[in-house]
Amino acid sequence: MPPAILGGLAAALLLASTAPAMAAAPVKPLTSAQLRAALITPEDLGDEYAPNPKRNRETLDSKTAHTKKCVKAIKTLKPLLGSKAAVFIDEEGKPSGVKQFAISGTPAQMTRWQTVGKVMVRDCIRGNTSANGVGGRITKLSIGKFGDWVYGIRYSETVPEAKISPVHAMDIVLIRVKNTVTLLVSDGFFATFDPGLSKRAAKVAVPKLRDAQ
């Protein structure tokens, strides 16, 4: 075979071998503006939801987290809670709702966030804080398969003598969608907590973040 043809074949094979690698190149992280545009809205959840002007950026405090390990795990969520890409939604007329935070980053950063999720579940799950049933408990929360991975916990505070229960409940759900990690925090006071809200929010949030990328 003539040298020119051999050279052409070699070049073609080289291009073919590098094409998959080029196609698999990681997507660039989203900007804060792009992330904000991809967050859930009150309209996504239904007519009974509206923006929450209070914009509370907290999850479990040291009392509800209870143990030093859980407090430390919850503190690692701080970069997400401080994100410029955030939305706060309330159910109208009720002390309950959901908030979402999002951060975009490199694959290495996404791996570190996965460790945060694993540690949160491992170190925060516990039973009641007292023998008589008064106090809070944290359980592992499973809302189904969303994104690349998902980790969640549910805090529930009960008082046996109270006519309304739980007195306070909160879901904390961490989800990766490609090069973005999002945090969903759903809570409610005085039996207004909706145990299905986290899953409904995730069903909307994940496709919106995926489409943005």
N, C-alpha and C. Protein backbone atom coordinates (compact mmCIF):
# COMPACT_ATOMS: atom_id res chain seq x y z
N MET A 1 0.86 -1.20 0.00
CA MET A 1 0.00 0.00 0.00
C MET A 1 0.89 1.24 0.00
N PRO A 2 0.60 2.24 -0.86
CA PRO A 2 1.42 3.44 -0.93
C PRO A 2 1.49 4.15 0.41
N PRO A 3 2.63 4.81 0.72
CA PRO A 3 2.81 5.51 2.00
C PRO A 3 1.74 6.56 2.25
N ALA A 4 1.30 7.26 1.20
CA ALA A 4 0.29 8.31 1.38
C ALA A 4 -1.01 7.74 1.90
N ILE A 5 -1.40 6.56 1.38
CA ILE A 5 -2.65 5.93 1.83
C ILE A 5 -2.52 5.45 3.26
N LEU A 6 -1.33 4.86 3.57
CA LEU A 6 -1.10 4.39 4.93
C LEU A 6 -1.18 5.55 5.92
N GLY A 7 -0.61 6.69 5.51
CA GLY A 7 -0.65 7.86 6.38
C GLY A 7 -2.07 8.34 6.61
N GLY A 8 -2.88 8.29 5.56
CA GLY A 8 -4.28 8.72 5.68
C GLY A 8 -5.07 7.81 6.60
N LEU A 9 -4.84 6.49 6.48
CA LEU A 9 -5.52 5.54 7.35
C LEU A 9 -5.14 5.75 8.81
N ALA A 10 -3.85 6.00 9.04
CA ALA A 10 -3.38 6.22 10.41
C ALA A 10 -4.04 7.44 11.01
N ALA A 11 -4.16 8.51 10.24
CA ALA A 11 -4.79 9.72 10.74
C ALA A 11 -6.26 9.50 11.04
N ALA A 12 -6.93 8.72 10.17
CA ALA A 12 -8.35 8.44 10.38
C ALA A 12 -8.56 7.63 11.65
N LEU A 13 -7.69 6.64 11.89
CA LEU A 13 -7.80 5.82 13.09
C LEU A 13 -7.57 6.65 14.34
N LEU A 14 -6.62 7.60 14.26
CA LEU A 14 -6.33 8.46 15.41
C LEU A 14 -7.53 9.33 15.75
N LEU A 15 -8.16 9.88 14.73
CA LEU A 15 -9.34 10.71 14.96
C LEU A 15 -10.48 9.90 15.55
N ALA A 16 -10.64 8.67 15.06
CA ALA A 16 -11.72 7.81 15.56
C ALA A 16 -11.51 7.45 17.01
N SER A 17 -10.25 7.24 17.40
CA SER A 17 -9.96 6.83 18.78
C SER A 17 -10.14 7.98 19.76
N THR A 18 -9.95 9.22 19.30
CA THR A 18 -10.07 10.36 20.19
C THR A 18 -11.48 10.94 20.22
N ALA A 19 -12.32 10.58 19.27
CA ALA A 19 -13.67 11.14 19.20
C ALA A 19 -14.50 10.86 20.44
N PRO A 20 -14.54 9.60 20.95
CA PRO A 20 -15.33 9.34 22.16
C PRO A 20 -14.87 10.16 23.36
N ALA A 21 -13.54 10.31 23.49
CA ALA A 21 -13.02 11.07 24.62
C ALA A 21 -13.44 12.52 24.53
N MET A 22 -13.43 13.06 23.27
CA MET A 22 -13.84 14.45 23.09
C MET A 22 -15.32 14.61 23.41
N ALA A 23 -16.11 13.60 23.01
CA ALA A 23 -17.56 13.68 23.24
C ALA A 23 -17.89 13.58 24.72
N ALA A 24 -17.00 12.92 25.48
CA ALA A 24 -17.27 12.70 26.91
C ALA A 24 -16.72 13.81 27.79
N ALA A 25 -16.22 14.87 27.16
CA ALA A 25 -15.66 15.97 27.94
C ALA A 25 -16.72 16.53 28.89
N PRO A 26 -16.34 16.84 30.13
CA PRO A 26 -17.32 17.33 31.11
C PRO A 26 -17.95 18.64 30.69
N VAL A 27 -19.22 18.80 31.02
CA VAL A 27 -19.93 20.04 30.73
C VAL A 27 -19.44 21.13 31.66
N LYS A 28 -19.33 22.35 31.14
CA LYS A 28 -18.88 23.46 31.98
C LYS A 28 -19.88 23.72 33.10
N PRO A 29 -19.39 24.08 34.28
CA PRO A 29 -20.30 24.41 35.38
C PRO A 29 -21.24 25.55 35.00
N LEU A 30 -22.45 25.49 35.49
CA LEU A 30 -23.42 26.53 35.22
C LEU A 30 -23.11 27.80 36.01
N THR A 31 -23.47 28.93 35.47
CA THR A 31 -23.30 30.19 36.19
C THR A 31 -24.43 30.33 37.20
N SER A 32 -24.28 31.29 38.12
CA SER A 32 -25.34 31.52 39.11
C SER A 32 -26.65 31.90 38.44
N ALA A 33 -26.56 32.69 37.37
CA ALA A 33 -27.76 33.10 36.64
C ALA A 33 -28.44 31.89 36.00
N GLN A 34 -27.66 31.00 35.42
CA GLN A 34 -28.22 29.80 34.80
C GLN A 34 -28.86 28.89 35.85
N LEU A 35 -28.22 28.79 37.00
CA LEU A 35 -28.77 27.97 38.08
C LEU A 35 -30.08 28.55 38.59
N ARG A 36 -30.12 29.86 38.79
CA ARG A 36 -31.34 30.50 39.29
C ARG A 36 -32.51 30.27 38.33
N ALA A 37 -32.21 30.29 37.05
CA ALA A 37 -33.27 30.10 36.04
C ALA A 37 -33.78 28.66 36.03
N ALA A 38 -32.99 27.73 36.60
CA ALA A 38 -33.37 26.31 36.56
C ALA A 38 -33.97 25.82 37.88
N LEU A 39 -34.18 26.72 38.83
CA LEU A 39 -34.75 26.32 40.11
C LEU A 39 -36.27 26.14 40.01
N ILE A 40 -36.83 25.42 40.97
CA ILE A 40 -38.27 25.23 41.00
C ILE A 40 -38.95 26.56 41.32
N THR A 41 -40.22 26.66 40.97
CA THR A 41 -41.01 27.86 41.24
C THR A 41 -42.28 27.45 41.98
N PRO A 42 -42.94 28.38 42.64
CA PRO A 42 -44.22 28.04 43.29
C PRO A 42 -45.22 27.43 42.31
N GLU A 43 -45.22 27.94 41.08
CA GLU A 43 -46.15 27.43 40.07
C GLU A 43 -45.89 25.96 39.74
N ASP A 44 -44.63 25.53 39.88
CA ASP A 44 -44.30 24.12 39.62
C ASP A 44 -44.98 23.18 40.60
N LEU A 45 -45.28 23.69 41.79
CA LEU A 45 -45.82 22.85 42.86
C LEU A 45 -47.33 22.93 42.99
N GLY A 46 -47.92 24.00 42.49
CA GLY A 46 -49.38 24.11 42.57
C GLY A 46 -49.85 25.49 42.98
N ASP A 47 -51.14 25.73 42.83
CA ASP A 47 -51.72 27.05 43.10
C ASP A 47 -51.63 27.45 44.56
N GLU A 48 -51.49 26.48 45.46
CA GLU A 48 -51.48 26.78 46.89
C GLU A 48 -50.11 27.22 47.39
N TYR A 49 -49.12 27.33 46.49
CA TYR A 49 -47.77 27.71 46.90
C TYR A 49 -47.42 29.12 46.43
N ALA A 50 -46.59 29.80 47.22
CA ALA A 50 -46.21 31.18 46.92
C ALA A 50 -44.79 31.43 47.41
N PRO A 51 -44.13 32.49 46.91
CA PRO A 51 -42.78 32.82 47.39
C PRO A 51 -42.78 33.13 48.89
N ASN A 52 -41.72 32.70 49.55
CA ASN A 52 -41.56 32.98 50.98
C ASN A 52 -40.57 34.13 51.15
N PRO A 53 -41.03 35.29 51.59
CA PRO A 53 -40.14 36.45 51.70
C PRO A 53 -39.11 36.35 52.83
N LYS A 54 -39.28 35.40 53.74
CA LYS A 54 -38.37 35.30 54.89
C LYS A 54 -36.99 34.78 54.49
N ARG A 55 -36.92 33.92 53.47
CA ARG A 55 -35.64 33.43 52.93
C ARG A 55 -34.73 32.87 54.02
N ASN A 56 -35.25 31.94 54.77
CA ASN A 56 -34.50 31.29 55.84
C ASN A 56 -33.51 30.29 55.25
N ARG A 57 -32.23 30.46 55.58
CA ARG A 57 -31.18 29.59 55.02
C ARG A 57 -30.66 28.59 56.05
N GLU A 58 -31.52 28.05 56.87
CA GLU A 58 -31.08 27.11 57.90
C GLU A 58 -31.70 25.73 57.68
N THR A 59 -31.06 24.74 58.26
CA THR A 59 -31.63 23.38 58.28
C THR A 59 -31.78 22.99 59.75
N LEU A 60 -31.10 21.95 60.19
CA LEU A 60 -31.14 21.56 61.59
C LEU A 60 -30.15 22.41 62.39
N ASP A 61 -30.58 22.88 63.57
CA ASP A 61 -29.64 23.59 64.43
C ASP A 61 -28.95 22.56 65.34
N SER A 62 -28.08 23.04 66.22
CA SER A 62 -27.31 22.13 67.06
C SER A 62 -28.20 21.32 68.00
N LYS A 63 -29.34 21.90 68.41
CA LYS A 63 -30.25 21.19 69.30
C LYS A 63 -30.95 20.05 68.58
N THR A 64 -31.46 20.31 67.38
CA THR A 64 -32.20 19.27 66.65
C THR A 64 -31.25 18.24 66.04
N ALA A 65 -30.04 18.68 65.67
CA ALA A 65 -29.05 17.71 65.17
C ALA A 65 -28.59 16.80 66.29
N HIS A 66 -28.54 17.35 67.50
CA HIS A 66 -28.35 16.61 68.75
C HIS A 66 -26.92 16.12 69.01
N THR A 67 -26.32 15.38 68.08
CA THR A 67 -24.99 14.84 68.33
C THR A 67 -23.92 15.69 67.65
N LYS A 68 -22.70 15.63 68.19
CA LYS A 68 -21.60 16.40 67.62
C LYS A 68 -21.33 15.99 66.17
N LYS A 69 -21.42 14.70 65.89
CA LYS A 69 -21.15 14.22 64.54
C LYS A 69 -22.19 14.75 63.55
N CYS A 70 -23.46 14.76 63.97
CA CYS A 70 -24.51 15.25 63.09
C CYS A 70 -24.38 16.76 62.89
N VAL A 71 -24.07 17.49 63.95
CA VAL A 71 -23.87 18.93 63.84
C VAL A 71 -22.78 19.23 62.82
N LYS A 72 -21.68 18.48 62.90
CA LYS A 72 -20.56 18.66 61.98
C LYS A 72 -20.98 18.35 60.55
N ALA A 73 -21.77 17.28 60.38
CA ALA A 73 -22.23 16.90 59.04
C ALA A 73 -23.13 17.97 58.44
N ILE A 74 -24.04 18.52 59.25
CA ILE A 74 -24.95 19.55 58.77
C ILE A 74 -24.20 20.83 58.41
N LYS A 75 -23.13 21.13 59.15
CA LYS A 75 -22.35 22.34 58.87
C LYS A 75 -21.68 22.28 57.50
N THR A 76 -21.41 21.07 57.00
CA THR A 76 -20.78 20.96 55.69
C THR A 76 -21.72 21.38 54.55
N LEU A 77 -23.00 21.57 54.86
CA LEU A 77 -23.96 22.05 53.86
C LEU A 77 -23.90 23.56 53.68
N LYS A 78 -23.10 24.23 54.50
CA LYS A 78 -23.07 25.70 54.52
C LYS A 78 -22.83 26.33 53.14
N PRO A 79 -21.87 25.82 52.32
CA PRO A 79 -21.67 26.43 51.00
C PRO A 79 -22.94 26.40 50.14
N LEU A 80 -23.70 25.33 50.24
CA LEU A 80 -24.95 25.24 49.49
C LEU A 80 -25.99 26.22 50.03
N LEU A 81 -26.10 26.28 51.35
CA LEU A 81 -27.08 27.17 51.97
C LEU A 81 -26.78 28.64 51.68
N GLY A 82 -25.54 28.94 51.37
CA GLY A 82 -25.16 30.31 51.05
C GLY A 82 -25.17 30.62 49.57
N SER A 83 -25.59 29.67 48.74
CA SER A 83 -25.56 29.85 47.29
C SER A 83 -26.46 31.00 46.84
N LYS A 84 -26.01 31.71 45.79
CA LYS A 84 -26.83 32.77 45.19
C LYS A 84 -28.02 32.18 44.44
N ALA A 85 -27.89 30.91 44.06
CA ALA A 85 -28.99 30.23 43.38
C ALA A 85 -29.86 29.56 44.43
N ALA A 86 -30.90 30.25 44.85
CA ALA A 86 -31.75 29.73 45.92
C ALA A 86 -33.18 30.22 45.72
N VAL A 87 -34.13 29.40 46.16
CA VAL A 87 -35.53 29.78 46.07
C VAL A 87 -36.24 29.33 47.34
N PHE A 88 -37.19 30.12 47.81
CA PHE A 88 -37.89 29.86 49.07
C PHE A 88 -39.39 29.88 48.80
N ILE A 89 -40.06 28.78 49.09
CA ILE A 89 -41.47 28.62 48.73
C ILE A 89 -42.27 28.18 49.94
N ASP A 90 -43.42 28.80 50.16
CA ASP A 90 -44.31 28.46 51.27
C ASP A 90 -45.64 27.96 50.75
N GLU A 91 -46.28 27.12 51.53
CA GLU A 91 -47.66 26.78 51.25
C GLU A 91 -48.52 27.86 51.89
N GLU A 92 -49.31 28.54 51.10
CA GLU A 92 -50.06 29.70 51.57
C GLU A 92 -50.95 29.37 52.77
N GLY A 93 -50.82 30.22 53.81
CA GLY A 93 -51.65 30.06 54.99
C GLY A 93 -51.18 29.00 55.96
N LYS A 94 -50.03 28.40 55.68
CA LYS A 94 -49.53 27.35 56.56
C LYS A 94 -48.04 27.57 56.85
N PRO A 95 -47.58 27.17 58.04
CA PRO A 95 -46.15 27.28 58.37
C PRO A 95 -45.36 26.09 57.80
N SER A 96 -45.40 25.94 56.49
CA SER A 96 -44.72 24.82 55.84
C SER A 96 -44.32 25.22 54.42
N GLY A 97 -43.38 24.50 53.87
CA GLY A 97 -42.94 24.79 52.51
C GLY A 97 -41.65 24.09 52.17
N VAL A 98 -40.99 24.58 51.12
CA VAL A 98 -39.75 23.96 50.65
C VAL A 98 -38.81 25.05 50.13
N LYS A 99 -37.53 24.82 50.27
CA LYS A 99 -36.53 25.73 49.71
C LYS A 99 -35.50 24.90 48.96
N GLN A 100 -34.91 25.51 47.94
CA GLN A 100 -33.93 24.82 47.11
C GLN A 100 -32.69 25.68 46.95
N PHE A 101 -31.53 25.02 47.01
CA PHE A 101 -30.24 25.67 46.80
C PHE A 101 -29.47 24.85 45.77
N ALA A 102 -28.63 25.50 44.98
CA ALA A 102 -27.89 24.75 43.97
C ALA A 102 -26.50 25.34 43.76
N ILE A 103 -25.54 24.46 43.50
CA ILE A 103 -24.16 24.84 43.20
C ILE A 103 -23.68 23.96 42.05
N SER A 104 -22.97 24.55 41.11
CA SER A 104 -22.40 23.80 40.00
C SER A 104 -20.88 23.73 40.18
N GLY A 105 -20.26 22.64 39.71
CA GLY A 105 -18.82 22.51 39.91
C GLY A 105 -18.20 21.41 39.06
N THR A 106 -16.98 21.07 39.39
CA THR A 106 -16.22 20.06 38.66
C THR A 106 -16.60 18.65 39.14
N PRO A 107 -16.23 17.61 38.37
CA PRO A 107 -16.50 16.24 38.83
C PRO A 107 -15.90 15.95 40.20
N ALA A 108 -14.70 16.49 40.46
CA ALA A 108 -14.06 16.28 41.77
C ALA A 108 -14.89 16.90 42.88
N GLN A 109 -15.42 18.08 42.62
CA GLN A 109 -16.27 18.73 43.62
C GLN A 109 -17.57 17.96 43.84
N MET A 110 -18.11 17.39 42.78
CA MET A 110 -19.32 16.59 42.91
C MET A 110 -19.06 15.34 43.74
N THR A 111 -17.87 14.77 43.60
CA THR A 111 -17.51 13.60 44.40
C THR A 111 -17.43 13.97 45.89
N ARG A 112 -16.90 15.15 46.17
CA ARG A 112 -16.83 15.60 47.57
C ARG A 112 -18.23 15.82 48.14
N TRP A 113 -19.14 16.33 47.32
CA TRP A 113 -20.51 16.52 47.80
C TRP A 113 -21.20 15.18 48.05
N GLN A 114 -20.83 14.16 47.29
CA GLN A 114 -21.39 12.84 47.55
C GLN A 114 -20.95 12.33 48.92
N THR A 115 -19.70 12.59 49.27
CA THR A 115 -19.21 12.22 50.59
C THR A 115 -19.99 12.95 51.67
N VAL A 116 -20.32 14.22 51.44
CA VAL A 116 -21.13 14.99 52.39
C VAL A 116 -22.47 14.31 52.62
N GLY A 117 -23.10 13.87 51.52
CA GLY A 117 -24.39 13.19 51.64
C GLY A 117 -24.29 11.89 52.41
N LYS A 118 -23.27 11.10 52.13
CA LYS A 118 -23.09 9.83 52.82
C LYS A 118 -22.86 10.03 54.31
N VAL A 119 -22.02 11.01 54.65
CA VAL A 119 -21.71 11.27 56.05
C VAL A 119 -22.95 11.79 56.79
N MET A 120 -23.73 12.64 56.13
CA MET A 120 -24.95 13.16 56.75
C MET A 120 -25.89 12.02 57.13
N VAL A 121 -26.10 11.09 56.22
CA VAL A 121 -26.98 9.96 56.52
C VAL A 121 -26.38 9.07 57.60
N ARG A 122 -25.10 8.82 57.51
CA ARG A 122 -24.44 7.93 58.49
C ARG A 122 -24.44 8.50 59.89
N ASP A 123 -24.15 9.82 60.02
CA ASP A 123 -23.93 10.39 61.34
C ASP A 123 -25.16 11.04 61.98
N CYS A 124 -26.23 11.21 61.21
CA CYS A 124 -27.39 11.90 61.78
C CYS A 124 -28.55 10.98 62.16
N ILE A 125 -28.61 9.80 61.61
CA ILE A 125 -29.73 8.91 61.92
C ILE A 125 -29.67 8.49 63.39
N ARG A 126 -30.79 8.64 64.08
CA ARG A 126 -30.86 8.27 65.50
C ARG A 126 -32.31 8.16 65.92
N GLY A 127 -32.52 7.58 67.08
CA GLY A 127 -33.87 7.43 67.62
C GLY A 127 -34.27 8.65 68.43
N ASN A 128 -35.32 8.51 69.23
CA ASN A 128 -35.79 9.61 70.07
C ASN A 128 -34.71 10.07 71.04
N THR A 129 -34.73 11.37 71.35
CA THR A 129 -33.72 11.91 72.26
C THR A 129 -34.03 11.60 73.72
N SER A 130 -35.23 11.07 74.00
CA SER A 130 -35.56 10.71 75.38
C SER A 130 -36.41 9.45 75.41
N ALA A 131 -36.41 8.78 76.54
CA ALA A 131 -37.07 7.49 76.65
C ALA A 131 -38.60 7.59 76.60
N ASN A 132 -39.16 8.74 76.97
CA ASN A 132 -40.62 8.85 77.03
C ASN A 132 -41.25 9.31 75.71
N GLY A 133 -40.44 9.38 74.65
CA GLY A 133 -40.97 9.71 73.34
C GLY A 133 -40.98 11.19 73.02
N VAL A 134 -40.64 12.01 74.01
CA VAL A 134 -40.59 13.45 73.78
C VAL A 134 -39.27 13.79 73.11
N GLY A 135 -39.32 14.62 72.08
CA GLY A 135 -38.08 15.01 71.41
C GLY A 135 -38.09 14.63 69.95
N GLY A 136 -36.93 14.71 69.33
CA GLY A 136 -36.83 14.47 67.90
C GLY A 136 -36.09 13.21 67.55
N ARG A 137 -36.39 12.70 66.37
CA ARG A 137 -35.66 11.55 65.84
C ARG A 137 -35.34 11.83 64.39
N ILE A 138 -34.27 11.24 63.89
CA ILE A 138 -33.86 11.42 62.50
C ILE A 138 -33.76 10.06 61.85
N THR A 139 -34.42 9.90 60.72
CA THR A 139 -34.41 8.64 59.99
C THR A 139 -33.87 8.86 58.58
N LYS A 140 -33.43 7.79 57.97
CA LYS A 140 -32.99 7.85 56.57
C LYS A 140 -34.22 8.05 55.70
N LEU A 141 -34.09 8.94 54.72
CA LEU A 141 -35.20 9.24 53.83
C LEU A 141 -34.90 8.75 52.42
N SER A 142 -35.82 8.00 51.86
CA SER A 142 -35.68 7.54 50.49
C SER A 142 -36.83 8.09 49.66
N ILE A 143 -36.51 8.91 48.66
CA ILE A 143 -37.56 9.49 47.82
C ILE A 143 -37.54 8.90 46.41
N GLY A 144 -36.69 7.89 46.18
CA GLY A 144 -36.60 7.28 44.86
C GLY A 144 -35.30 7.66 44.16
N LYS A 145 -35.15 7.23 42.93
CA LYS A 145 -33.93 7.48 42.15
C LYS A 145 -34.06 8.79 41.38
N PHE A 146 -33.19 9.72 41.71
CA PHE A 146 -33.17 11.01 41.03
C PHE A 146 -31.73 11.39 40.74
N GLY A 147 -31.48 11.92 39.54
CA GLY A 147 -30.14 12.38 39.19
C GLY A 147 -29.11 11.26 39.24
N ASP A 148 -27.86 11.66 39.51
CA ASP A 148 -26.76 10.69 39.59
C ASP A 148 -26.74 9.97 40.93
N TRP A 149 -27.12 10.66 41.98
CA TRP A 149 -27.27 10.06 43.31
C TRP A 149 -28.14 10.97 44.16
N VAL A 150 -28.67 10.40 45.22
CA VAL A 150 -29.52 11.17 46.13
C VAL A 150 -29.36 10.64 47.55
N TYR A 151 -29.25 11.55 48.53
CA TYR A 151 -29.15 11.19 49.94
C TYR A 151 -30.12 12.06 50.73
N GLY A 152 -30.82 11.47 51.68
CA GLY A 152 -31.78 12.25 52.43
C GLY A 152 -31.99 11.76 53.85
N ILE A 153 -32.40 12.69 54.72
CA ILE A 153 -32.77 12.36 56.09
C ILE A 153 -34.06 13.10 56.43
N ARG A 154 -34.79 12.58 57.41
CA ARG A 154 -36.02 13.24 57.88
C ARG A 154 -35.97 13.41 59.39
N TYR A 155 -36.14 14.65 59.83
CA TYR A 155 -36.23 14.96 61.25
C TYR A 155 -37.70 15.08 61.63
N SER A 156 -38.07 14.50 62.75
CA SER A 156 -39.46 14.59 63.21
C SER A 156 -39.48 14.75 64.73
N GLU A 157 -40.15 15.81 65.18
CA GLU A 157 -40.24 16.11 66.61
C GLU A 157 -41.67 15.89 67.08
N THR A 158 -41.81 15.08 68.11
CA THR A 158 -43.15 14.76 68.62
C THR A 158 -43.24 15.03 70.12
N VAL A 159 -44.45 15.32 70.55
CA VAL A 159 -44.77 15.46 71.97
C VAL A 159 -46.04 14.65 72.19
N PRO A 160 -45.96 13.51 72.91
CA PRO A 160 -47.11 12.63 73.07
C PRO A 160 -48.38 13.32 73.54
N GLU A 161 -48.24 14.33 74.40
CA GLU A 161 -49.43 15.01 74.93
C GLU A 161 -50.04 16.00 73.94
N ALA A 162 -49.29 16.37 72.92
CA ALA A 162 -49.78 17.36 71.98
C ALA A 162 -50.90 16.80 71.11
N LYS A 163 -51.88 17.63 70.85
CA LYS A 163 -53.00 17.21 70.01
C LYS A 163 -52.63 17.20 68.54
N ILE A 164 -51.59 17.93 68.18
CA ILE A 164 -51.13 17.97 66.80
C ILE A 164 -49.70 17.43 66.73
N SER A 165 -49.47 16.56 65.79
CA SER A 165 -48.16 15.93 65.69
C SER A 165 -47.87 15.59 64.22
N PRO A 166 -46.61 15.73 63.78
CA PRO A 166 -45.45 16.18 64.56
C PRO A 166 -45.48 17.69 64.80
N VAL A 167 -44.85 18.08 65.89
CA VAL A 167 -44.74 19.51 66.20
C VAL A 167 -43.88 20.20 65.15
N HIS A 168 -42.85 19.49 64.71
CA HIS A 168 -41.98 20.01 63.65
C HIS A 168 -41.37 18.83 62.90
N ALA A 169 -41.30 18.94 61.59
CA ALA A 169 -40.66 17.90 60.78
C ALA A 169 -39.91 18.57 59.64
N MET A 170 -38.83 17.93 59.21
CA MET A 170 -38.00 18.50 58.14
C MET A 170 -37.32 17.41 57.33
N ASP A 171 -37.37 17.54 56.01
CA ASP A 171 -36.61 16.69 55.10
C ASP A 171 -35.40 17.46 54.59
N ILE A 172 -34.25 16.80 54.54
CA ILE A 172 -33.04 17.38 53.95
C ILE A 172 -32.57 16.41 52.87
N VAL A 173 -32.61 16.84 51.62
CA VAL A 173 -32.31 15.96 50.50
C VAL A 173 -31.23 16.57 49.61
N LEU A 174 -30.18 15.81 49.37
CA LEU A 174 -29.05 16.24 48.55
C LEU A 174 -29.04 15.41 47.26
N ILE A 175 -29.03 16.08 46.11
CA ILE A 175 -29.11 15.39 44.81
C ILE A 175 -28.05 15.93 43.86
N ARG A 176 -27.39 15.03 43.14
CA ARG A 176 -26.48 15.45 42.07
C ARG A 176 -27.16 15.27 40.73
N VAL A 177 -27.06 16.32 39.89
CA VAL A 177 -27.57 16.26 38.52
C VAL A 177 -26.43 16.70 37.60
N LYS A 178 -25.73 15.75 37.02
CA LYS A 178 -24.55 16.01 36.19
C LYS A 178 -23.51 16.81 36.97
N ASN A 179 -23.26 18.07 36.57
CA ASN A 179 -22.22 18.85 37.25
C ASN A 179 -22.79 19.81 38.29
N THR A 180 -23.99 19.50 38.76
CA THR A 180 -24.65 20.37 39.74
C THR A 180 -25.16 19.56 40.92
N VAL A 181 -25.04 20.11 42.11
CA VAL A 181 -25.64 19.49 43.29
C VAL A 181 -26.69 20.44 43.82
N THR A 182 -27.84 19.90 44.20
CA THR A 182 -28.93 20.72 44.71
C THR A 182 -29.40 20.19 46.06
N LEU A 183 -29.80 21.11 46.91
CA LEU A 183 -30.28 20.78 48.24
C LEU A 183 -31.74 21.19 48.36
N LEU A 184 -32.59 20.24 48.72
CA LEU A 184 -34.01 20.51 48.95
C LEU A 184 -34.29 20.37 50.44
N VAL A 185 -34.89 21.39 51.02
CA VAL A 185 -35.24 21.37 52.44
C VAL A 185 -36.73 21.64 52.56
N SER A 186 -37.47 20.61 52.96
CA SER A 186 -38.92 20.74 53.13
C SER A 186 -39.27 20.60 54.59
N ASP A 187 -40.07 21.53 55.12
CA ASP A 187 -40.41 21.41 56.53
C ASP A 187 -41.80 21.95 56.81
N GLY A 188 -42.27 21.69 58.03
CA GLY A 188 -43.59 22.15 58.44
C GLY A 188 -43.74 22.06 59.95
N PHE A 189 -44.55 22.96 60.51
CA PHE A 189 -44.80 22.99 61.95
C PHE A 189 -46.26 22.67 62.25
N PHE A 190 -46.47 22.09 63.42
CA PHE A 190 -47.83 21.84 63.94
C PHE A 190 -48.70 21.04 62.96
N ALA A 191 -48.17 19.91 62.56
CA ALA A 191 -48.88 18.95 61.71
C ALA A 191 -49.17 19.46 60.30
N THR A 192 -48.46 20.51 59.86
CA THR A 192 -48.65 20.99 58.49
C THR A 192 -47.63 20.37 57.53
N PHE A 193 -46.70 19.59 58.06
CA PHE A 193 -45.65 18.99 57.24
C PHE A 193 -46.25 18.05 56.20
N ASP A 194 -45.80 18.20 54.94
CA ASP A 194 -46.25 17.35 53.84
C ASP A 194 -45.14 16.34 53.54
N PRO A 195 -45.30 15.07 53.91
CA PRO A 195 -44.24 14.08 53.72
C PRO A 195 -43.94 13.76 52.26
N GLY A 196 -44.82 14.16 51.35
CA GLY A 196 -44.58 13.89 49.94
C GLY A 196 -44.01 15.06 49.17
N LEU A 197 -43.83 16.21 49.84
CA LEU A 197 -43.38 17.41 49.14
C LEU A 197 -41.97 17.29 48.61
N SER A 198 -41.07 16.67 49.36
CA SER A 198 -39.68 16.54 48.90
C SER A 198 -39.61 15.77 47.58
N LYS A 199 -40.37 14.70 47.48
CA LYS A 199 -40.36 13.91 46.25
C LYS A 199 -40.97 14.69 45.09
N ARG A 200 -42.06 15.40 45.34
CA ARG A 200 -42.69 16.20 44.29
C ARG A 200 -41.74 17.29 43.80
N ALA A 201 -41.05 17.92 44.75
CA ALA A 201 -40.09 18.96 44.38
C ALA A 201 -38.93 18.39 43.57
N ALA A 202 -38.45 17.21 43.96
CA ALA A 202 -37.35 16.57 43.24
C ALA A 202 -37.75 16.20 41.82
N LYS A 203 -38.98 15.77 41.63
CA LYS A 203 -39.47 15.40 40.30
C LYS A 203 -39.44 16.58 39.35
N VAL A 204 -39.59 17.78 39.89
CA VAL A 204 -39.54 18.99 39.07
C VAL A 204 -38.11 19.51 38.96
N ALA A 205 -37.39 19.50 40.08
CA ALA A 205 -36.06 20.11 40.14
C ALA A 205 -35.04 19.39 39.26
N VAL A 206 -35.03 18.08 39.29
CA VAL A 206 -34.01 17.32 38.56
C VAL A 206 -34.10 17.53 37.04
N PRO A 207 -35.27 17.39 36.41
CA PRO A 207 -35.34 17.64 34.96
C PRO A 207 -34.96 19.08 34.58
N LYS A 208 -35.32 20.05 35.41
CA LYS A 208 -35.00 21.44 35.09
C LYS A 208 -33.47 21.66 35.12
N LEU A 209 -32.80 21.08 36.10
CA LEU A 209 -31.35 21.20 36.17
C LEU A 209 -30.67 20.43 35.06
N ARG A 210 -31.21 19.28 34.72
CA ARG A 210 -30.64 18.49 33.61
C ARG A 210 -30.79 19.23 32.29
N ASP A 211 -31.93 19.82 32.05
CA ASP A 211 -32.15 20.55 30.80
C ASP A 211 -31.25 21.78 30.70
N ALA A 212 -30.92 22.38 31.83
CA ALA A 212 -30.07 23.57 31.83
C ALA A 212 -28.65 23.25 31.40
N GLN A 213 -28.28 21.97 31.47
CA GLN A 213 -26.92 21.55 31.14
C GLN A 213 -26.83 20.92 29.76
